[in-house]
Amino acid sequence: MIVVANVTRSGLNPRWWVEKLVQVCEREGRREGPAFAETDGKLGCMLDYDATFREAAKEVQSQTNLIGEDLD
């Protein structure tokens, strides 16, 4: 069980995101273990996710005002 707020004071929806993450894990056949895992179920290395995250953040930064231009 994960206790998560439905909506934060700032308007984020963490419960929605956690539920989506659980759905992805279940689709991959994982019902236990780390949420961010390798194909063998072992804990994924954050460095492996870094490039993907940075690419997505750059796209958001270029298309919205959610991430200030002064942040890199």
PDB file of N, CA and C in Angstrom:
ATOM      1  N   MET A   1       0.842  -1.165   0.000  1.00  0.00           N
ATOM      2  CA  MET A   1       0.000   0.000   0.000  1.00  0.00           C
ATOM      3  C   MET A   1       0.896   1.240   0.000  1.00  0.00           C
ATOM      4  N   ILE A   2       0.484   2.220  -0.788  1.00  0.00           N
ATOM      5  CA  ILE A   2       1.195   3.485  -0.846  1.00  0.00           C
ATOM      6  C   ILE A   2       0.204   4.579  -0.474  1.00  0.00           C
ATOM      7  N   VAL A   3       0.560   5.381   0.531  1.00  0.00           N
ATOM      8  CA  VAL A   3      -0.297   6.486   0.932  1.00  0.00           C
ATOM      9  C   VAL A   3       0.185   7.730   0.185  1.00  0.00           C
ATOM     10  N   VAL A   4      -0.703   8.280  -0.664  1.00  0.00           N
ATOM     11  CA  VAL A   4      -0.349   9.431  -1.485  1.00  0.00           C
ATOM     12  C   VAL A   4      -1.536  10.388  -1.511  1.00  0.00           C
ATOM     13  N   ALA A   5      -1.236  11.676  -1.443  1.00  0.00           N
ATOM     14  CA  ALA A   5      -2.300  12.680  -1.553  1.00  0.00           C
ATOM     15  C   ALA A   5      -2.906  12.629  -2.950  1.00  0.00           C
ATOM     16  N   ASN A   6      -4.215  12.844  -3.039  1.00  0.00           N
ATOM     17  CA  ASN A   6      -4.858  12.927  -4.349  1.00  0.00           C
ATOM     18  C   ASN A   6      -4.339  14.129  -5.113  1.00  0.00           C
ATOM     19  N   VAL A   7      -4.373  15.283  -4.469  1.00  0.00           N
ATOM     20  CA  VAL A   7      -3.905  16.530  -5.067  1.00  0.00           C
ATOM     21  C   VAL A   7      -3.145  17.301  -3.999  1.00  0.00           C
ATOM     22  N   THR A   8      -1.986  17.849  -4.370  1.00  0.00           N
ATOM     23  CA  THR A   8      -1.207  18.642  -3.430  1.00  0.00           C
ATOM     24  C   THR A   8      -1.711  20.080  -3.399  1.00  0.00           C
ATOM     25  N   ARG A   9      -1.235  20.845  -2.452  1.00  0.00           N
ATOM     26  CA  ARG A   9      -1.625  22.257  -2.367  1.00  0.00           C
ATOM     27  C   ARG A   9      -1.238  23.023  -3.623  1.00  0.00           C
ATOM     28  N   SER A  10      -0.179  22.597  -4.264  1.00  0.00           N
ATOM     29  CA  SER A  10       0.276  23.289  -5.480  1.00  0.00           C
ATOM     30  C   SER A  10      -0.456  22.799  -6.731  1.00  0.00           C
ATOM     31  N   GLY A  11      -1.365  21.824  -6.565  1.00  0.00           N
ATOM     32  CA  GLY A  11      -2.171  21.364  -7.683  1.00  0.00           C
ATOM     33  C   GLY A  11      -1.635  20.137  -8.403  1.00  0.00           C
ATOM     34  N   LEU A  12      -0.542  19.556  -7.918  1.00  0.00           N
ATOM     35  CA  LEU A  12      -0.025  18.324  -8.523  1.00  0.00           C
ATOM     36  C   LEU A  12      -0.943  17.162  -8.170  1.00  0.00           C
ATOM     37  N   ASN A  13      -0.957  16.155  -9.023  1.00  0.00           N
ATOM     38  CA  ASN A  13      -1.805  14.972  -8.819  1.00  0.00           C
ATOM     39  C   ASN A  13      -0.953  13.716  -8.631  1.00  0.00           C
ATOM     40  N   PRO A  14      -0.270  13.593  -7.495  1.00  0.00           N
ATOM     41  CA  PRO A  14       0.629  12.447  -7.327  1.00  0.00           C
ATOM     42  C   PRO A  14      -0.065  11.091  -7.369  1.00  0.00           C
ATOM     43  N   ARG A  15      -1.273  10.997  -6.858  1.00  0.00           N
ATOM     44  CA  ARG A  15      -1.964   9.700  -6.869  1.00  0.00           C
ATOM     45  C   ARG A  15      -2.154   9.210  -8.306  1.00  0.00           C
ATOM     46  N   TRP A  16      -2.546  10.100  -9.214  1.00  0.00           N
ATOM     47  CA  TRP A  16      -2.748   9.737 -10.613  1.00  0.00           C
ATOM     48  C   TRP A  16      -1.460   9.164 -11.194  1.00  0.00           C
ATOM     49  N   TRP A  17      -0.333   9.835 -10.926  1.00  0.00           N
ATOM     50  CA  TRP A  17       0.950   9.372 -11.465  1.00  0.00           C
ATOM     51  C   TRP A  17       1.366   8.031 -10.856  1.00  0.00           C
ATOM     52  N   VAL A  18       1.148   7.857  -9.562  1.00  0.00           N
ATOM     53  CA  VAL A  18       1.498   6.585  -8.917  1.00  0.00           C
ATOM     54  C   VAL A  18       0.644   5.459  -9.499  1.00  0.00           C
ATOM     55  N   GLU A  19      -0.636   5.727  -9.724  1.00  0.00           N
ATOM     56  CA  GLU A  19      -1.504   4.703 -10.313  1.00  0.00           C
ATOM     57  C   GLU A  19      -1.051   4.339 -11.724  1.00  0.00           C
ATOM     58  N   LYS A  20      -0.618   5.314 -12.505  1.00  0.00           N
ATOM     59  CA  LYS A  20      -0.107   5.032 -13.855  1.00  0.00           C
ATOM     60  C   LYS A  20       1.163   4.187 -13.771  1.00  0.00           C
ATOM     61  N   LEU A  21       2.037   4.514 -12.831  1.00  0.00           N
ATOM     62  CA  LEU A  21       3.265   3.742 -12.655  1.00  0.00           C
ATOM     63  C   LEU A  21       2.957   2.300 -12.275  1.00  0.00           C
ATOM     64  N   VAL A  22       1.983   2.098 -11.402  1.00  0.00           N
ATOM     65  CA  VAL A  22       1.576   0.745 -11.013  1.00  0.00           C
ATOM     66  C   VAL A  22       1.041  -0.008 -12.233  1.00  0.00           C
ATOM     67  N   GLN A  23       0.263   0.665 -13.073  1.00  0.00           N
ATOM     68  CA  GLN A  23      -0.267   0.022 -14.279  1.00  0.00           C
ATOM     69  C   GLN A  23       0.859  -0.423 -15.210  1.00  0.00           C
ATOM     70  N   VAL A  24       1.870   0.413 -15.377  1.00  0.00           N
ATOM     71  CA  VAL A  24       3.006   0.057 -16.231  1.00  0.00           C
ATOM     72  C   VAL A  24       3.715  -1.164 -15.661  1.00  0.00           C
ATOM     73  N   CYS A  25       3.964  -1.158 -14.363  1.00  0.00           N
ATOM     74  CA  CYS A  25       4.636  -2.301 -13.731  1.00  0.00           C
ATOM     75  C   CYS A  25       3.825  -3.578 -13.919  1.00  0.00           C
ATOM     76  N   GLU A  26       2.515  -3.494 -13.740  1.00  0.00           N
ATOM     77  CA  GLU A  26       1.673  -4.673 -13.911  1.00  0.00           C
ATOM     78  C   GLU A  26       1.675  -5.156 -15.357  1.00  0.00           C
ATOM     79  N   ARG A  27       1.665  -4.217 -16.304  1.00  0.00           N
ATOM     80  CA  ARG A  27       1.725  -4.599 -17.722  1.00  0.00           C
ATOM     81  C   ARG A  27       3.021  -5.335 -18.027  1.00  0.00           C
ATOM     82  N   GLU A  28       4.089  -4.965 -17.321  1.00  0.00           N
ATOM     83  CA  GLU A  28       5.381  -5.622 -17.500  1.00  0.00           C
ATOM     84  C   GLU A  28       5.476  -6.914 -16.694  1.00  0.00           C
ATOM     85  N   GLY A  29       4.401  -7.275 -16.004  1.00  0.00           N
ATOM     86  CA  GLY A  29       4.384  -8.522 -15.244  1.00  0.00           C
ATOM     87  C   GLY A  29       5.034  -8.417 -13.878  1.00  0.00           C
ATOM     88  N   ARG A  30       5.217  -7.204 -13.381  1.00  0.00           N
ATOM     89  CA  ARG A  30       5.840  -7.011 -12.066  1.00  0.00           C
ATOM     90  C   ARG A  30       4.791  -6.547 -11.075  1.00  0.00           C
ATOM     91  N   ARG A  31       4.639  -7.302 -10.005  1.00  0.00           N
ATOM     92  CA  ARG A  31       3.672  -6.951  -8.963  1.00  0.00           C
ATOM     93  C   ARG A  31       4.367  -6.646  -7.647  1.00  0.00           C
ATOM     94  N   GLU A  32       5.677  -6.776  -7.621  1.00  0.00           N
ATOM     95  CA  GLU A  32       6.450  -6.439  -6.420  1.00  0.00           C
ATOM     96  C   GLU A  32       7.837  -6.020  -6.855  1.00  0.00           C
ATOM     97  N   GLY A  33       8.572  -5.442  -5.920  1.00  0.00           N
ATOM     98  CA  GLY A  33       9.920  -4.978  -6.236  1.00  0.00           C
ATOM     99  C   GLY A  33       9.928  -3.498  -6.572  1.00  0.00           C
ATOM    100  N   PRO A  34      11.069  -3.006  -7.029  1.00  0.00           N
ATOM    101  CA  PRO A  34      11.196  -1.569  -7.298  1.00  0.00           C
ATOM    102  C   PRO A  34      10.318  -1.119  -8.466  1.00  0.00           C
ATOM    103  N   ALA A  35       9.832   0.102  -8.373  1.00  0.00           N
ATOM    104  CA  ALA A  35       8.991   0.654  -9.442  1.00  0.00           C
ATOM    105  C   ALA A  35       9.815   0.899 -10.702  1.00  0.00           C
ATOM    106  N   PHE A  36      11.025   1.379 -10.537  1.00  0.00           N
ATOM    107  CA  PHE A  36      11.903   1.626 -11.668  1.00  0.00           C
ATOM    108  C   PHE A  36      12.939   0.504 -11.697  1.00  0.00           C
ATOM    109  N   ALA A  37      12.694  -0.456 -12.582  1.00  0.00           N
ATOM    110  CA  ALA A  37      13.494  -1.681 -12.569  1.00  0.00           C
ATOM    111  C   ALA A  37      13.994  -2.037 -13.961  1.00  0.00           C
ATOM    112  N   GLU A  38      15.038  -2.840 -13.977  1.00  0.00           N
ATOM    113  CA  GLU A  38      15.544  -3.412 -15.221  1.00  0.00           C
ATOM    114  C   GLU A  38      14.567  -4.506 -15.676  1.00  0.00           C
ATOM    115  N   THR A  39      14.775  -5.043 -16.847  1.00  0.00           N
ATOM    116  CA  THR A  39      13.876  -6.085 -17.361  1.00  0.00           C
ATOM    117  C   THR A  39      13.886  -7.333 -16.473  1.00  0.00           C
ATOM    118  N   ASP A  40      14.985  -7.543 -15.736  1.00  0.00           N
ATOM    119  CA  ASP A  40      15.055  -8.711 -14.846  1.00  0.00           C
ATOM    120  C   ASP A  40      14.453  -8.440 -13.471  1.00  0.00           C
ATOM    121  N   GLY A  41      13.898  -7.230 -13.268  1.00  0.00           N
ATOM    122  CA  GLY A  41      13.262  -6.887 -12.004  1.00  0.00           C
ATOM    123  C   GLY A  41      14.174  -6.250 -10.983  1.00  0.00           C
ATOM    124  N   LYS A  42      15.466  -6.189 -11.259  1.00  0.00           N
ATOM    125  CA  LYS A  42      16.397  -5.546 -10.322  1.00  0.00           C
ATOM    126  C   LYS A  42      16.272  -4.032 -10.418  1.00  0.00           C
ATOM    127  N   LEU A  43      16.616  -3.370  -9.328  1.00  0.00           N
ATOM    128  CA  LEU A  43      16.543  -1.914  -9.246  1.00  0.00           C
ATOM    129  C   LEU A  43      17.284  -1.265 -10.405  1.00  0.00           C
ATOM    130  N   GLY A  44      16.597  -0.348 -11.096  1.00  0.00           N
ATOM    131  CA  GLY A  44      17.211   0.368 -12.200  1.00  0.00           C
ATOM    132  C   GLY A  44      18.192   1.411 -11.694  1.00  0.00           C
ATOM    133  N   CYS A  45      19.205   1.697 -12.485  1.00  0.00           N
ATOM    134  CA  CYS A  45      20.213   2.699 -12.148  1.00  0.00           C
ATOM    135  C   CYS A  45      19.693   4.069 -12.571  1.00  0.00           C
ATOM    136  N   MET A  46      19.701   5.023 -11.667  1.00  0.00           N
ATOM    137  CA  MET A  46      19.181   6.355 -11.981  1.00  0.00           C
ATOM    138  C   MET A  46      19.915   6.984 -13.164  1.00  0.00           C
ATOM    139  N   LEU A  47      21.175   6.650 -13.345  1.00  0.00           N
ATOM    140  CA  LEU A  47      21.930   7.180 -14.481  1.00  0.00           C
ATOM    141  C   LEU A  47      21.298   6.755 -15.799  1.00  0.00           C
ATOM    142  N   ASP A  48      20.706   5.569 -15.828  1.00  0.00           N
ATOM    143  CA  ASP A  48      20.039   5.083 -17.035  1.00  0.00           C
ATOM    144  C   ASP A  48      18.821   5.935 -17.395  1.00  0.00           C
ATOM    145  N   TYR A  49      18.186   6.523 -16.398  1.00  0.00           N
ATOM    146  CA  TYR A  49      16.997   7.331 -16.624  1.00  0.00           C
ATOM    147  C   TYR A  49      17.327   8.805 -16.841  1.00  0.00           C
ATOM    148  N   ASP A  50      18.528   9.210 -16.493  1.00  0.00           N
ATOM    149  CA  ASP A  50      18.903  10.620 -16.527  1.00  0.00           C
ATOM    150  C   ASP A  50      18.757  11.241 -17.916  1.00  0.00           C
ATOM    151  N   ALA A  51      19.286  10.607 -18.937  1.00  0.00           N
ATOM    152  CA  ALA A  51      19.233  11.173 -20.287  1.00  0.00           C
ATOM    153  C   ALA A  51      17.797  11.314 -20.768  1.00  0.00           C
ATOM    154  N   THR A  52      16.975  10.316 -20.499  1.00  0.00           N
ATOM    155  CA  THR A  52      15.566  10.373 -20.900  1.00  0.00           C
ATOM    156  C   THR A  52      14.853  11.507 -20.172  1.00  0.00           C
ATOM    157  N   PHE A  53      15.102  11.644 -18.883  1.00  0.00           N
ATOM    158  CA  PHE A  53      14.478  12.708 -18.104  1.00  0.00           C
ATOM    159  C   PHE A  53      14.911  14.077 -18.609  1.00  0.00           C
ATOM    160  N   ARG A  54      16.213  14.250 -18.840  1.00  0.00           N
ATOM    161  CA  ARG A  54      16.717  15.547 -19.306  1.00  0.00           C
ATOM    162  C   ARG A  54      16.127  15.916 -20.668  1.00  0.00           C
ATOM    163  N   GLU A  55      15.984  14.957 -21.540  1.00  0.00           N
ATOM    164  CA  GLU A  55      15.404  15.197 -22.865  1.00  0.00           C
ATOM    165  C   GLU A  55      13.953  15.653 -22.733  1.00  0.00           C
ATOM    166  N   ALA A  56      13.197  14.970 -21.888  1.00  0.00           N
ATOM    167  CA  ALA A  56      11.797  15.346 -21.667  1.00  0.00           C
ATOM    168  C   ALA A  56      11.706  16.732 -21.023  1.00  0.00           C
ATOM    169  N   ALA A  57      12.574  17.009 -20.072  1.00  0.00           N
ATOM    170  CA  ALA A  57      12.564  18.316 -19.407  1.00  0.00           C
ATOM    171  C   ALA A  57      12.896  19.436 -20.395  1.00  0.00           C
ATOM    172  N   LYS A  58      13.848  19.198 -21.291  1.00  0.00           N
ATOM    173  CA  LYS A  58      14.191  20.205 -22.303  1.00  0.00           C
ATOM    174  C   LYS A  58      13.002  20.486 -23.214  1.00  0.00           C
ATOM    175  N   GLU A  59      12.279  19.439 -23.584  1.00  0.00           N
ATOM    176  CA  GLU A  59      11.107  19.605 -24.438  1.00  0.00           C
ATOM    177  C   GLU A  59      10.033  20.429 -23.723  1.00  0.00           C
ATOM    178  N   VAL A  60       9.792  20.108 -22.458  1.00  0.00           N
ATOM    179  CA  VAL A  60       8.814  20.865 -21.675  1.00  0.00           C
ATOM    180  C   VAL A  60       9.266  22.318 -21.556  1.00  0.00           C
ATOM    181  N   GLN A  61      10.550  22.519 -21.299  1.00  0.00           N
ATOM    182  CA  GLN A  61      11.085  23.866 -21.144  1.00  0.00           C
ATOM    183  C   GLN A  61      10.937  24.681 -22.432  1.00  0.00           C
ATOM    184  N   SER A  62      11.111  24.047 -23.575  1.00  0.00           N
ATOM    185  CA  SER A  62      11.033  24.771 -24.843  1.00  0.00           C
ATOM    186  C   SER A  62       9.596  25.047 -25.280  1.00  0.00           C
ATOM    187  N   GLN A  63       8.639  24.272 -24.771  1.00  0.00           N
ATOM    188  CA  GLN A  63       7.257  24.401 -25.229  1.00  0.00           C
ATOM    189  C   GLN A  63       6.311  25.037 -24.216  1.00  0.00           C
ATOM    190  N   THR A  64       6.771  25.212 -22.982  1.00  0.00           N
ATOM    191  CA  THR A  64       5.911  25.774 -21.937  1.00  0.00           C
ATOM    192  C   THR A  64       6.723  26.736 -21.081  1.00  0.00           C
ATOM    193  N   ASN A  65       6.071  27.309 -20.098  1.00  0.00           N
ATOM    194  CA  ASN A  65       6.778  28.146 -19.121  1.00  0.00           C
ATOM    195  C   ASN A  65       6.868  27.449 -17.763  1.00  0.00           C
ATOM    196  N   LEU A  66       6.702  26.136 -17.748  1.00  0.00           N
ATOM    197  CA  LEU A  66       6.742  25.370 -16.509  1.00  0.00           C
ATOM    198  C   LEU A  66       8.142  25.278 -15.912  1.00  0.00           C
ATOM    199  N   ILE A  67       9.162  25.310 -16.766  1.00  0.00           N
ATOM    200  CA  ILE A  67      10.556  25.249 -16.312  1.00  0.00           C
ATOM    201  C   ILE A  67      11.237  26.513 -16.810  1.00  0.00           C
ATOM    202  N   GLY A  68      11.705  27.342 -15.904  1.00  0.00           N
ATOM    203  CA  GLY A  68      12.320  28.611 -16.284  1.00  0.00           C
ATOM    204  C   GLY A  68      13.541  28.440 -17.183  1.00  0.00           C
ATOM    205  N   GLU A  69      13.755  29.420 -18.038  1.00  0.00           N
ATOM    206  CA  GLU A  69      14.899  29.383 -18.975  1.00  0.00           C
ATOM    207  C   GLU A  69      16.230  29.444 -18.218  1.00  0.00           C
ATOM    208  N   ASP A  70      16.224  29.959 -16.995  1.00  0.00           N
ATOM    209  CA  ASP A  70      17.455  30.065 -16.216  1.00  0.00           C
ATOM    210  C   ASP A  70      17.884  28.735 -15.597  1.00  0.00           C
ATOM    211  N   LEU A  71      17.049  27.704 -15.743  1.00  0.00           N
ATOM    212  CA  LEU A  71      17.392  26.378 -15.215  1.00  0.00           C
ATOM    213  C   LEU A  71      17.913  25.503 -16.348  1.00  0.00           C
ATOM    214  N   ASP A  72      18.930  24.724 -16.048  1.00  0.00           N
ATOM    215  CA  ASP A  72      19.444  23.798 -17.074  1.00  0.00           C
ATOM    216  C   ASP A  72      19.499  22.391 -16.577  1.00  0.00           C
TER     217      ASP A  72
END
